[in-house]
Amino acid sequence: MNSAPFAWMICAIACELIGTTALKLTQGGERPVWFIAVACGYTAAFVLFSRALTSFPLGIAYAMWAGLGIVGSTVIGFMLFREPLSWTSLSGILVILAGVVLVNLGNADRLS
């Protein structure tokens, strides 16, 4: 199994999280220097995501991108910005992670 597509995906998600974190750090535009990191993070994320899309079906790729992005941004918000995290939110994160795993496992059982 070629691990490069997963590496592209993980790097894309990491860059998206960098861009999103930088967006929070702009404080609504009050600290515009962070927009440089936003632009770089999102640009790199889309370039890397496009590479991952050459090997993953669109639905599978987007499920990983969105699901792991939500989990990552929640963890960053909690750890870096001290945003609250409830047991309900933690339960939701576990459901999202389970969904990402199931979607990937289901990729082996394609209908077509």
PDB file of N, CA and C in Angstrom:
ATOM      1  N   MET A   1       0.839  -1.191   0.000  1.00  0.00           N
ATOM      2  CA  MET A   1       0.000   0.000   0.000  1.00  0.00           C
ATOM      3  C   MET A   1       0.878   1.246   0.000  1.00  0.00           C
ATOM      4  N   ASN A   2       0.559   2.159  -0.867  1.00  0.00           N
ATOM      5  CA  ASN A   2       1.312   3.405  -0.988  1.00  0.00           C
ATOM      6  C   ASN A   2       0.859   4.379   0.102  1.00  0.00           C
ATOM      7  N   SER A   3       1.788   4.796   0.942  1.00  0.00           N
ATOM      8  CA  SER A   3       1.439   5.694   2.048  1.00  0.00           C
ATOM      9  C   SER A   3       1.505   7.167   1.662  1.00  0.00           C
ATOM     10  N   ALA A   4       1.984   7.484   0.470  1.00  0.00           N
ATOM     11  CA  ALA A   4       2.106   8.886   0.055  1.00  0.00           C
ATOM     12  C   ALA A   4       0.775   9.638   0.081  1.00  0.00           C
ATOM     13  N   PRO A   5      -0.340   9.047  -0.401  1.00  0.00           N
ATOM     14  CA  PRO A   5      -1.600   9.800  -0.338  1.00  0.00           C
ATOM     15  C   PRO A   5      -1.999  10.175   1.089  1.00  0.00           C
ATOM     16  N   PHE A   6      -1.749   9.279   2.029  1.00  0.00           N
ATOM     17  CA  PHE A   6      -2.059   9.607   3.425  1.00  0.00           C
ATOM     18  C   PHE A   6      -1.137  10.709   3.941  1.00  0.00           C
ATOM     19  N   ALA A   7       0.110  10.695   3.515  1.00  0.00           N
ATOM     20  CA  ALA A   7       1.043  11.757   3.913  1.00  0.00           C
ATOM     21  C   ALA A   7       0.589  13.098   3.349  1.00  0.00           C
ATOM     22  N   TRP A   8       0.142  13.108   2.071  1.00  0.00           N
ATOM     23  CA  TRP A   8      -0.371  14.356   1.476  1.00  0.00           C
ATOM     24  C   TRP A   8      -1.568  14.862   2.277  1.00  0.00           C
ATOM     25  N   MET A   9      -2.447  13.923   2.652  1.00  0.00           N
ATOM     26  CA  MET A   9      -3.656  14.304   3.384  1.00  0.00           C
ATOM     27  C   MET A   9      -3.318  14.853   4.774  1.00  0.00           C
ATOM     28  N   ILE A  10      -2.454  14.177   5.490  1.00  0.00           N
ATOM     29  CA  ILE A  10      -2.071  14.646   6.833  1.00  0.00           C
ATOM     30  C   ILE A  10      -1.413  16.020   6.754  1.00  0.00           C
ATOM     31  N   CYS A  11      -0.542  16.211   5.787  1.00  0.00           N
ATOM     32  CA  CYS A  11       0.111  17.519   5.629  1.00  0.00           C
ATOM     33  C   CYS A  11      -0.894  18.596   5.232  1.00  0.00           C
ATOM     34  N   ALA A  12      -1.862  18.237   4.382  1.00  0.00           N
ATOM     35  CA  ALA A  12      -2.901  19.200   3.996  1.00  0.00           C
ATOM     36  C   ALA A  12      -3.722  19.625   5.207  1.00  0.00           C
ATOM     37  N   ILE A  13      -4.091  18.663   6.020  1.00  0.00           N
ATOM     38  CA  ILE A  13      -4.879  18.977   7.221  1.00  0.00           C
ATOM     39  C   ILE A  13      -4.058  19.831   8.191  1.00  0.00           C
ATOM     40  N   ALA A  14      -2.787  19.503   8.346  1.00  0.00           N
ATOM     41  CA  ALA A  14      -1.921  20.289   9.232  1.00  0.00           C
ATOM     42  C   ALA A  14      -1.817  21.734   8.743  1.00  0.00           C
ATOM     43  N   CYS A  15      -1.655  21.928   7.433  1.00  0.00           N
ATOM     44  CA  CYS A  15      -1.564  23.290   6.895  1.00  0.00           C
ATOM     45  C   CYS A  15      -2.882  24.038   7.046  1.00  0.00           C
ATOM     46  N   GLU A  16      -3.994  23.323   6.877  1.00  0.00           N
ATOM     47  CA  GLU A  16      -5.300  23.949   7.074  1.00  0.00           C
ATOM     48  C   GLU A  16      -5.461  24.389   8.525  1.00  0.00           C
ATOM     49  N   LEU A  17      -4.989  23.571   9.452  1.00  0.00           N
ATOM     50  CA  LEU A  17      -5.062  23.933  10.873  1.00  0.00           C
ATOM     51  C   LEU A  17      -4.158  25.120  11.194  1.00  0.00           C
ATOM     52  N   ILE A  18      -3.012  25.205  10.550  1.00  0.00           N
ATOM     53  CA  ILE A  18      -2.138  26.369  10.718  1.00  0.00           C
ATOM     54  C   ILE A  18      -2.858  27.627  10.226  1.00  0.00           C
ATOM     55  N   GLY A  19      -3.477  27.532   9.049  1.00  0.00           N
ATOM     56  CA  GLY A  19      -4.215  28.676   8.508  1.00  0.00           C
ATOM     57  C   GLY A  19      -5.378  29.091   9.390  1.00  0.00           C
ATOM     58  N   THR A  20      -6.104  28.113   9.901  1.00  0.00           N
ATOM     59  CA  THR A  20      -7.249  28.408  10.754  1.00  0.00           C
ATOM     60  C   THR A  20      -6.818  29.000  12.092  1.00  0.00           C
ATOM     61  N   THR A  21      -5.747  28.468  12.654  1.00  0.00           N
ATOM     62  CA  THR A  21      -5.217  29.016  13.910  1.00  0.00           C
ATOM     63  C   THR A  21      -4.744  30.450  13.702  1.00  0.00           C
ATOM     64  N   ALA A  22      -4.059  30.685  12.591  1.00  0.00           N
ATOM     65  CA  ALA A  22      -3.609  32.045  12.288  1.00  0.00           C
ATOM     66  C   ALA A  22      -4.798  32.986  12.102  1.00  0.00           C
ATOM     67  N   LEU A  23      -5.871  32.466  11.505  1.00  0.00           N
ATOM     68  CA  LEU A  23      -7.070  33.290  11.328  1.00  0.00           C
ATOM     69  C   LEU A  23      -7.627  33.732  12.684  1.00  0.00           C
ATOM     70  N   LYS A  24      -7.628  32.841  13.642  1.00  0.00           N
ATOM     71  CA  LYS A  24      -8.057  33.192  15.007  1.00  0.00           C
ATOM     72  C   LYS A  24      -7.117  34.254  15.597  1.00  0.00           C
ATOM     73  N   LEU A  25      -5.820  34.116  15.314  1.00  0.00           N
ATOM     74  CA  LEU A  25      -4.833  35.049  15.855  1.00  0.00           C
ATOM     75  C   LEU A  25      -4.916  36.449  15.244  1.00  0.00           C
ATOM     76  N   THR A  26      -5.629  36.600  14.109  1.00  0.00           N
ATOM     77  CA  THR A  26      -5.802  37.943  13.545  1.00  0.00           C
ATOM     78  C   THR A  26      -6.704  38.803  14.423  1.00  0.00           C
ATOM     79  N   GLN A  27      -7.441  38.166  15.322  1.00  0.00           N
ATOM     80  CA  GLN A  27      -8.378  38.856  16.220  1.00  0.00           C
ATOM     81  C   GLN A  27      -9.319  39.770  15.428  1.00  0.00           C
ATOM     82  N   GLY A  28      -9.958  39.151  14.430  1.00  0.00           N
ATOM     83  CA  GLY A  28     -10.941  39.896  13.637  1.00  0.00           C
ATOM     84  C   GLY A  28     -10.318  40.973  12.771  1.00  0.00           C
ATOM     85  N   GLY A  29      -9.057  40.829  12.417  1.00  0.00           N
ATOM     86  CA  GLY A  29      -8.366  41.804  11.584  1.00  0.00           C
ATOM     87  C   GLY A  29      -7.573  42.830  12.358  1.00  0.00           C
ATOM     88  N   GLU A  30      -7.627  42.772  13.679  1.00  0.00           N
ATOM     89  CA  GLU A  30      -6.887  43.716  14.511  1.00  0.00           C
ATOM     90  C   GLU A  30      -5.383  43.457  14.454  1.00  0.00           C
ATOM     91  N   ARG A  31      -4.993  42.247  14.141  1.00  0.00           N
ATOM     92  CA  ARG A  31      -3.566  41.895  14.022  1.00  0.00           C
ATOM     93  C   ARG A  31      -3.333  41.325  12.626  1.00  0.00           C
ATOM     94  N   PRO A  32      -3.306  42.189  11.607  1.00  0.00           N
ATOM     95  CA  PRO A  32      -3.295  41.739  10.215  1.00  0.00           C
ATOM     96  C   PRO A  32      -2.041  40.982   9.779  1.00  0.00           C
ATOM     97  N   VAL A  33      -0.968  41.074  10.526  1.00  0.00           N
ATOM     98  CA  VAL A  33       0.237  40.360  10.125  1.00  0.00           C
ATOM     99  C   VAL A  33      -0.019  38.850  10.046  1.00  0.00           C
ATOM    100  N   TRP A  34      -0.968  38.349  10.830  1.00  0.00           N
ATOM    101  CA  TRP A  34      -1.293  36.924  10.822  1.00  0.00           C
ATOM    102  C   TRP A  34      -1.955  36.481   9.524  1.00  0.00           C
ATOM    103  N   PHE A  35      -2.464  37.433   8.717  1.00  0.00           N
ATOM    104  CA  PHE A  35      -3.065  37.063   7.445  1.00  0.00           C
ATOM    105  C   PHE A  35      -2.049  36.446   6.489  1.00  0.00           C
ATOM    106  N   ILE A  36      -0.778  36.737   6.687  1.00  0.00           N
ATOM    107  CA  ILE A  36       0.273  36.101   5.873  1.00  0.00           C
ATOM    108  C   ILE A  36       0.282  34.599   6.143  1.00  0.00           C
ATOM    109  N   ALA A  37       0.223  34.226   7.413  1.00  0.00           N
ATOM    110  CA  ALA A  37       0.180  32.805   7.772  1.00  0.00           C
ATOM    111  C   ALA A  37      -1.121  32.159   7.319  1.00  0.00           C
ATOM    112  N   VAL A  38      -2.211  32.917   7.364  1.00  0.00           N
ATOM    113  CA  VAL A  38      -3.500  32.395   6.887  1.00  0.00           C
ATOM    114  C   VAL A  38      -3.380  32.040   5.409  1.00  0.00           C
ATOM    115  N   ALA A  39      -2.880  32.972   4.623  1.00  0.00           N
ATOM    116  CA  ALA A  39      -2.765  32.748   3.179  1.00  0.00           C
ATOM    117  C   ALA A  39      -1.816  31.599   2.859  1.00  0.00           C
ATOM    118  N   CYS A  40      -0.679  31.566   3.536  1.00  0.00           N
ATOM    119  CA  CYS A  40       0.290  30.490   3.295  1.00  0.00           C
ATOM    120  C   CYS A  40      -0.274  29.136   3.718  1.00  0.00           C
ATOM    121  N   GLY A  41      -0.904  29.092   4.880  1.00  0.00           N
ATOM    122  CA  GLY A  41      -1.463  27.837   5.382  1.00  0.00           C
ATOM    123  C   GLY A  41      -2.549  27.295   4.472  1.00  0.00           C
ATOM    124  N   TYR A  42      -3.492  28.142   4.090  1.00  0.00           N
ATOM    125  CA  TYR A  42      -4.592  27.680   3.241  1.00  0.00           C
ATOM    126  C   TYR A  42      -4.112  27.337   1.829  1.00  0.00           C
ATOM    127  N   THR A  43      -3.189  28.118   1.293  1.00  0.00           N
ATOM    128  CA  THR A  43      -2.663  27.808  -0.043  1.00  0.00           C
ATOM    129  C   THR A  43      -1.977  26.447  -0.044  1.00  0.00           C
ATOM    130  N   ALA A  44      -1.100  26.226   0.930  1.00  0.00           N
ATOM    131  CA  ALA A  44      -0.415  24.938   1.027  1.00  0.00           C
ATOM    132  C   ALA A  44      -1.422  23.812   1.241  1.00  0.00           C
ATOM    133  N   ALA A  45      -2.440  24.062   2.056  1.00  0.00           N
ATOM    134  CA  ALA A  45      -3.449  23.033   2.335  1.00  0.00           C
ATOM    135  C   ALA A  45      -4.157  22.605   1.056  1.00  0.00           C
ATOM    136  N   PHE A  46      -4.556  23.568   0.229  1.00  0.00           N
ATOM    137  CA  PHE A  46      -5.272  23.213  -0.993  1.00  0.00           C
ATOM    138  C   PHE A  46      -4.371  22.543  -2.016  1.00  0.00           C
ATOM    139  N   VAL A  47      -3.130  22.950  -2.096  1.00  0.00           N
ATOM    140  CA  VAL A  47      -2.194  22.280  -3.007  1.00  0.00           C
ATOM    141  C   VAL A  47      -1.989  20.827  -2.575  1.00  0.00           C
ATOM    142  N   LEU A  48      -1.756  20.621  -1.288  1.00  0.00           N
ATOM    143  CA  LEU A  48      -1.544  19.263  -0.776  1.00  0.00           C
ATOM    144  C   LEU A  48      -2.817  18.427  -0.865  1.00  0.00           C
ATOM    145  N   PHE A  49      -3.958  19.031  -0.607  1.00  0.00           N
ATOM    146  CA  PHE A  49      -5.227  18.312  -0.716  1.00  0.00           C
ATOM    147  C   PHE A  49      -5.470  17.876  -2.150  1.00  0.00           C
ATOM    148  N   SER A  50      -5.111  18.729  -3.102  1.00  0.00           N
ATOM    149  CA  SER A  50      -5.281  18.361  -4.510  1.00  0.00           C
ATOM    150  C   SER A  50      -4.410  17.153  -4.861  1.00  0.00           C
ATOM    151  N   ARG A  51      -3.234  17.067  -4.252  1.00  0.00           N
ATOM    152  CA  ARG A  51      -2.379  15.881  -4.455  1.00  0.00           C
ATOM    153  C   ARG A  51      -3.038  14.634  -3.885  1.00  0.00           C
ATOM    154  N   ALA A  52      -3.611  14.759  -2.694  1.00  0.00           N
ATOM    155  CA  ALA A  52      -4.282  13.617  -2.072  1.00  0.00           C
ATOM    156  C   ALA A  52      -5.470  13.158  -2.911  1.00  0.00           C
ATOM    157  N   LEU A  53      -6.150  14.103  -3.563  1.00  0.00           N
ATOM    158  CA  LEU A  53      -7.323  13.764  -4.369  1.00  0.00           C
ATOM    159  C   LEU A  53      -6.982  12.914  -5.588  1.00  0.00           C
ATOM    160  N   THR A  54      -5.719  12.840  -5.957  1.00  0.00           N
ATOM    161  CA  THR A  54      -5.354  11.982  -7.084  1.00  0.00           C
ATOM    162  C   THR A  54      -5.439  10.514  -6.709  1.00  0.00           C
ATOM    163  N   SER A  55      -5.476  10.211  -5.415  1.00  0.00           N
ATOM    164  CA  SER A  55      -5.508   8.814  -4.959  1.00  0.00           C
ATOM    165  C   SER A  55      -6.764   8.437  -4.177  1.00  0.00           C
ATOM    166  N   PHE A  56      -7.467   9.410  -3.625  1.00  0.00           N
ATOM    167  CA  PHE A  56      -8.655   9.124  -2.824  1.00  0.00           C
ATOM    168  C   PHE A  56      -9.905   9.514  -3.601  1.00  0.00           C
ATOM    169  N   PRO A  57     -10.984   8.765  -3.445  1.00  0.00           N
ATOM    170  CA  PRO A  57     -12.267   9.247  -3.956  1.00  0.00           C
ATOM    171  C   PRO A  57     -12.640  10.541  -3.228  1.00  0.00           C
ATOM    172  N   LEU A  58     -13.347  11.412  -3.910  1.00  0.00           N
ATOM    173  CA  LEU A  58     -13.664  12.729  -3.358  1.00  0.00           C
ATOM    174  C   LEU A  58     -14.371  12.641  -2.010  1.00  0.00           C
ATOM    175  N   GLY A  59     -15.364  11.779  -1.886  1.00  0.00           N
ATOM    176  CA  GLY A  59     -16.111  11.663  -0.639  1.00  0.00           C
ATOM    177  C   GLY A  59     -15.250  11.207   0.522  1.00  0.00           C
ATOM    178  N   ILE A  60     -14.366  10.274   0.264  1.00  0.00           N
ATOM    179  CA  ILE A  60     -13.459   9.765   1.297  1.00  0.00           C
ATOM    180  C   ILE A  60     -12.496  10.879   1.716  1.00  0.00           C
ATOM    181  N   ALA A  61     -11.920  11.539   0.727  1.00  0.00           N
ATOM    182  CA  ALA A  61     -10.952  12.605   1.015  1.00  0.00           C
ATOM    183  C   ALA A  61     -11.596  13.730   1.812  1.00  0.00           C
ATOM    184  N   TYR A  62     -12.805  14.127   1.407  1.00  0.00           N
ATOM    185  CA  TYR A  62     -13.446  15.238   2.101  1.00  0.00           C
ATOM    186  C   TYR A  62     -13.862  14.849   3.507  1.00  0.00           C
ATOM    187  N   ALA A  63     -14.258  13.602   3.695  1.00  0.00           N
ATOM    188  CA  ALA A  63     -14.603  13.137   5.046  1.00  0.00           C
ATOM    189  C   ALA A  63     -13.386  13.213   5.966  1.00  0.00           C
ATOM    190  N   MET A  64     -12.232  12.796   5.464  1.00  0.00           N
ATOM    191  CA  MET A  64     -11.007  12.879   6.274  1.00  0.00           C
ATOM    192  C   MET A  64     -10.648  14.332   6.542  1.00  0.00           C
ATOM    193  N   TRP A  65     -10.664  15.146   5.495  1.00  0.00           N
ATOM    194  CA  TRP A  65     -10.307  16.565   5.589  1.00  0.00           C
ATOM    195  C   TRP A  65     -11.182  17.276   6.616  1.00  0.00           C
ATOM    196  N   ALA A  66     -12.478  17.151   6.462  1.00  0.00           N
ATOM    197  CA  ALA A  66     -13.403  17.859   7.345  1.00  0.00           C
ATOM    198  C   ALA A  66     -13.379  17.289   8.761  1.00  0.00           C
ATOM    199  N   GLY A  67     -13.450  15.978   8.870  1.00  0.00           N
ATOM    200  CA  GLY A  67     -13.494  15.348  10.189  1.00  0.00           C
ATOM    201  C   GLY A  67     -12.260  15.602  11.015  1.00  0.00           C
ATOM    202  N   LEU A  68     -11.107  15.362  10.419  1.00  0.00           N
ATOM    203  CA  LEU A  68      -9.864  15.565  11.174  1.00  0.00           C
ATOM    204  C   LEU A  68      -9.576  17.043  11.388  1.00  0.00           C
ATOM    205  N   GLY A  69     -10.049  17.881  10.472  1.00  0.00           N
ATOM    206  CA  GLY A  69      -9.918  19.326  10.675  1.00  0.00           C
ATOM    207  C   GLY A  69     -10.739  19.809  11.857  1.00  0.00           C
ATOM    208  N   ILE A  70     -11.949  19.275  11.995  1.00  0.00           N
ATOM    209  CA  ILE A  70     -12.800  19.636  13.142  1.00  0.00           C
ATOM    210  C   ILE A  70     -12.156  19.182  14.446  1.00  0.00           C
ATOM    211  N   VAL A  71     -11.671  17.950  14.451  1.00  0.00           N
ATOM    212  CA  VAL A  71     -11.027  17.427  15.661  1.00  0.00           C
ATOM    213  C   VAL A  71      -9.792  18.255  16.002  1.00  0.00           C
ATOM    214  N   GLY A  72      -8.954  18.507  15.007  1.00  0.00           N
ATOM    215  CA  GLY A  72      -7.725  19.273  15.241  1.00  0.00           C
ATOM    216  C   GLY A  72      -7.998  20.689  15.713  1.00  0.00           C
ATOM    217  N   SER A  73      -8.967  21.352  15.088  1.00  0.00           N
ATOM    218  CA  SER A  73      -9.260  22.730  15.501  1.00  0.00           C
ATOM    219  C   SER A  73      -9.864  22.775  16.900  1.00  0.00           C
ATOM    220  N   THR A  74     -10.612  21.758  17.269  1.00  0.00           N
ATOM    221  CA  THR A  74     -11.166  21.706  18.626  1.00  0.00           C
ATOM    222  C   THR A  74     -10.047  21.530  19.650  1.00  0.00           C
ATOM    223  N   VAL A  75      -9.111  20.652  19.353  1.00  0.00           N
ATOM    224  CA  VAL A  75      -7.977  20.436  20.262  1.00  0.00           C
ATOM    225  C   VAL A  75      -7.128  21.699  20.365  1.00  0.00           C
ATOM    226  N   ILE A  76      -6.852  22.342  19.244  1.00  0.00           N
ATOM    227  CA  ILE A  76      -6.065  23.587  19.256  1.00  0.00           C
ATOM    228  C   ILE A  76      -6.797  24.670  20.046  1.00  0.00           C
ATOM    229  N   GLY A  77      -8.093  24.798  19.819  1.00  0.00           N
ATOM    230  CA  GLY A  77      -8.872  25.792  20.559  1.00  0.00           C
ATOM    231  C   GLY A  77      -8.815  25.562  22.058  1.00  0.00           C
ATOM    232  N   PHE A  78      -8.909  24.308  22.438  1.00  0.00           N
ATOM    233  CA  PHE A  78      -8.864  23.968  23.864  1.00  0.00           C
ATOM    234  C   PHE A  78      -7.480  24.232  24.450  1.00  0.00           C
ATOM    235  N   MET A  79      -6.442  23.792  23.758  1.00  0.00           N
ATOM    236  CA  MET A  79      -5.091  23.882  24.325  1.00  0.00           C
ATOM    237  C   MET A  79      -4.466  25.268  24.184  1.00  0.00           C
ATOM    238  N   LEU A  80      -4.654  25.911  23.043  1.00  0.00           N
ATOM    239  CA  LEU A  80      -3.978  27.180  22.788  1.00  0.00           C
ATOM    240  C   LEU A  80      -4.796  28.394  23.246  1.00  0.00           C
ATOM    241  N   PHE A  81      -6.111  28.322  23.030  1.00  0.00           N
ATOM    242  CA  PHE A  81      -6.951  29.479  23.323  1.00  0.00           C
ATOM    243  C   PHE A  81      -7.829  29.280  24.564  1.00  0.00           C
ATOM    244  N   ARG A  82      -7.652  28.158  25.231  1.00  0.00           N
ATOM    245  CA  ARG A  82      -8.398  27.845  26.453  1.00  0.00           C
ATOM    246  C   ARG A  82      -9.915  27.904  26.240  1.00  0.00           C
ATOM    247  N   GLU A  83     -10.341  27.458  25.063  1.00  0.00           N
ATOM    248  CA  GLU A  83     -11.770  27.405  24.769  1.00  0.00           C
ATOM    249  C   GLU A  83     -12.377  26.211  25.506  1.00  0.00           C
ATOM    250  N   PRO A  84     -13.595  26.365  25.996  1.00  0.00           N
ATOM    251  CA  PRO A  84     -14.198  25.276  26.785  1.00  0.00           C
ATOM    252  C   PRO A  84     -14.470  24.040  25.921  1.00  0.00           C
ATOM    253  N   LEU A  85     -14.423  22.901  26.577  1.00  0.00           N
ATOM    254  CA  LEU A  85     -14.695  21.623  25.923  1.00  0.00           C
ATOM    255  C   LEU A  85     -15.536  20.794  26.878  1.00  0.00           C
ATOM    256  N   SER A  86     -16.728  20.436  26.448  1.00  0.00           N
ATOM    257  CA  SER A  86     -17.641  19.685  27.314  1.00  0.00           C
ATOM    258  C   SER A  86     -17.568  18.192  26.996  1.00  0.00           C
ATOM    259  N   TRP A  87     -18.182  17.401  27.856  1.00  0.00           N
ATOM    260  CA  TRP A  87     -18.262  15.962  27.610  1.00  0.00           C
ATOM    261  C   TRP A  87     -19.074  15.693  26.347  1.00  0.00           C
ATOM    262  N   THR A  88     -20.042  16.521  26.092  1.00  0.00           N
ATOM    263  CA  THR A  88     -20.835  16.367  24.865  1.00  0.00           C
ATOM    264  C   THR A  88     -19.955  16.607  23.641  1.00  0.00           C
ATOM    265  N   SER A  89     -19.121  17.641  23.699  1.00  0.00           N
ATOM    266  CA  SER A  89     -18.206  17.920  22.595  1.00  0.00           C
ATOM    267  C   SER A  89     -17.209  16.781  22.401  1.00  0.00           C
ATOM    268  N   LEU A  90     -16.678  16.272  23.503  1.00  0.00           N
ATOM    269  CA  LEU A  90     -15.756  15.137  23.413  1.00  0.00           C
ATOM    270  C   LEU A  90     -16.433  13.918  22.789  1.00  0.00           C
ATOM    271  N   SER A  91     -17.679  13.693  23.148  1.00  0.00           N
ATOM    272  CA  SER A  91     -18.429  12.587  22.554  1.00  0.00           C
ATOM    273  C   SER A  91     -18.588  12.793  21.048  1.00  0.00           C
ATOM    274  N   GLY A  92     -18.869  14.012  20.662  1.00  0.00           N
ATOM    275  CA  GLY A  92     -18.985  14.332  19.236  1.00  0.00           C
ATOM    276  C   GLY A  92     -17.695  14.101  18.485  1.00  0.00           C
ATOM    277  N   ILE A  93     -16.571  14.455  19.103  1.00  0.00           N
ATOM    278  CA  ILE A  93     -15.268  14.227  18.483  1.00  0.00           C
ATOM    279  C   ILE A  93     -15.038  12.734  18.278  1.00  0.00           C
ATOM    280  N   LEU A  94     -15.400  11.925  19.266  1.00  0.00           N
ATOM    281  CA  LEU A  94     -15.248  10.474  19.123  1.00  0.00           C
ATOM    282  C   LEU A  94     -16.125   9.938  17.990  1.00  0.00           C
ATOM    283  N   VAL A  95     -17.324  10.475  17.848  1.00  0.00           N
ATOM    284  CA  VAL A  95     -18.200  10.059  16.755  1.00  0.00           C
ATOM    285  C   VAL A  95     -17.597  10.454  15.411  1.00  0.00           C
ATOM    286  N   ILE A  96     -17.038  11.655  15.328  1.00  0.00           N
ATOM    287  CA  ILE A  96     -16.398  12.103  14.090  1.00  0.00           C
ATOM    288  C   ILE A  96     -15.228  11.187  13.739  1.00  0.00           C
ATOM    289  N   LEU A  97     -14.382  10.894  14.715  1.00  0.00           N
ATOM    290  CA  LEU A  97     -13.244  10.004  14.460  1.00  0.00           C
ATOM    291  C   LEU A  97     -13.713   8.624  14.020  1.00  0.00           C
ATOM    292  N   ALA A  98     -14.745   8.110  14.662  1.00  0.00           N
ATOM    293  CA  ALA A  98     -15.286   6.810  14.254  1.00  0.00           C
ATOM    294  C   ALA A  98     -15.811   6.880  12.822  1.00  0.00           C
ATOM    295  N   GLY A  99     -16.447   7.977  12.472  1.00  0.00           N
ATOM    296  CA  GLY A  99     -16.943   8.159  11.109  1.00  0.00           C
ATOM    297  C   GLY A  99     -15.833   8.176  10.083  1.00  0.00           C
ATOM    298  N   VAL A 100     -14.753   8.866  10.388  1.00  0.00           N
ATOM    299  CA  VAL A 100     -13.612   8.906   9.466  1.00  0.00           C
ATOM    300  C   VAL A 100     -13.047   7.504   9.264  1.00  0.00           C
ATOM    301  N   VAL A 101     -12.913   6.753  10.347  1.00  0.00           N
ATOM    302  CA  VAL A 101     -12.410   5.382  10.253  1.00  0.00           C
ATOM    303  C   VAL A 101     -13.360   4.528   9.416  1.00  0.00           C
ATOM    304  N   LEU A 102     -14.658   4.618   9.686  1.00  0.00           N
ATOM    305  CA  LEU A 102     -15.637   3.808   8.947  1.00  0.00           C
ATOM    306  C   LEU A 102     -15.665   4.154   7.465  1.00  0.00           C
ATOM    307  N   VAL A 103     -15.575   5.436   7.141  1.00  0.00           N
ATOM    308  CA  VAL A 103     -15.573   5.839   5.740  1.00  0.00           C
ATOM    309  C   VAL A 103     -14.344   5.267   5.034  1.00  0.00           C
ATOM    310  N   ASN A 104     -13.205   5.286   5.722  1.00  0.00           N
ATOM    311  CA  ASN A 104     -11.994   4.726   5.127  1.00  0.00           C
ATOM    312  C   ASN A 104     -12.075   3.214   4.985  1.00  0.00           C
ATOM    313  N   LEU A 105     -12.621   2.547   5.986  1.00  0.00           N
ATOM    314  CA  LEU A 105     -12.791   1.099   5.890  1.00  0.00           C
ATOM    315  C   LEU A 105     -13.785   0.735   4.794  1.00  0.00           C
ATOM    316  N   GLY A 106     -14.824   1.534   4.659  1.00  0.00           N
ATOM    317  CA  GLY A 106     -15.823   1.300   3.621  1.00  0.00           C
ATOM    318  C   GLY A 106     -15.294   1.510   2.227  1.00  0.00           C
ATOM    319  N   ASN A 107     -14.194   2.219   2.105  1.00  0.00           N
ATOM    320  CA  ASN A 107     -13.587   2.449   0.795  1.00  0.00           C
ATOM    321  C   ASN A 107     -13.171   1.115   0.164  1.00  0.00           C
ATOM    322  N   ALA A 108     -12.841   0.135   0.974  1.00  0.00           N
ATOM    323  CA  ALA A 108     -12.449  -1.177   0.451  1.00  0.00           C
ATOM    324  C   ALA A 108     -13.648  -1.933  -0.092  1.00  0.00           C
ATOM    325  N   ASP A 109     -14.847  -1.588   0.357  1.00  0.00           N
ATOM    326  CA  ASP A 109     -16.076  -2.272  -0.070  1.00  0.00           C
ATOM    327  C   ASP A 109     -16.881  -1.415  -1.043  1.00  0.00           C
ATOM    328  N   ARG A 110     -16.214  -0.815  -2.008  1.00  0.00           N
ATOM    329  CA  ARG A 110     -16.888   0.083  -2.931  1.00  0.00           C
ATOM    330  C   ARG A 110     -18.039  -0.595  -3.664  1.00  0.00           C
ATOM    331  N   LEU A 111     -19.057   0.190  -3.953  1.00  0.00           N
ATOM    332  CA  LEU A 111     -20.230  -0.317  -4.655  1.00  0.00           C
ATOM    333  C   LEU A 111     -19.966  -0.507  -6.151  1.00  0.00           C
ATOM    334  N   SER A 112     -19.064   0.255  -6.718  1.00  0.00           N
ATOM    335  CA  SER A 112     -18.824   0.142  -8.158  1.00  0.00           C
ATOM    336  C   SER A 112     -17.646  -0.731  -8.486  1.00  0.00           C
TER     337      SER A 112
END
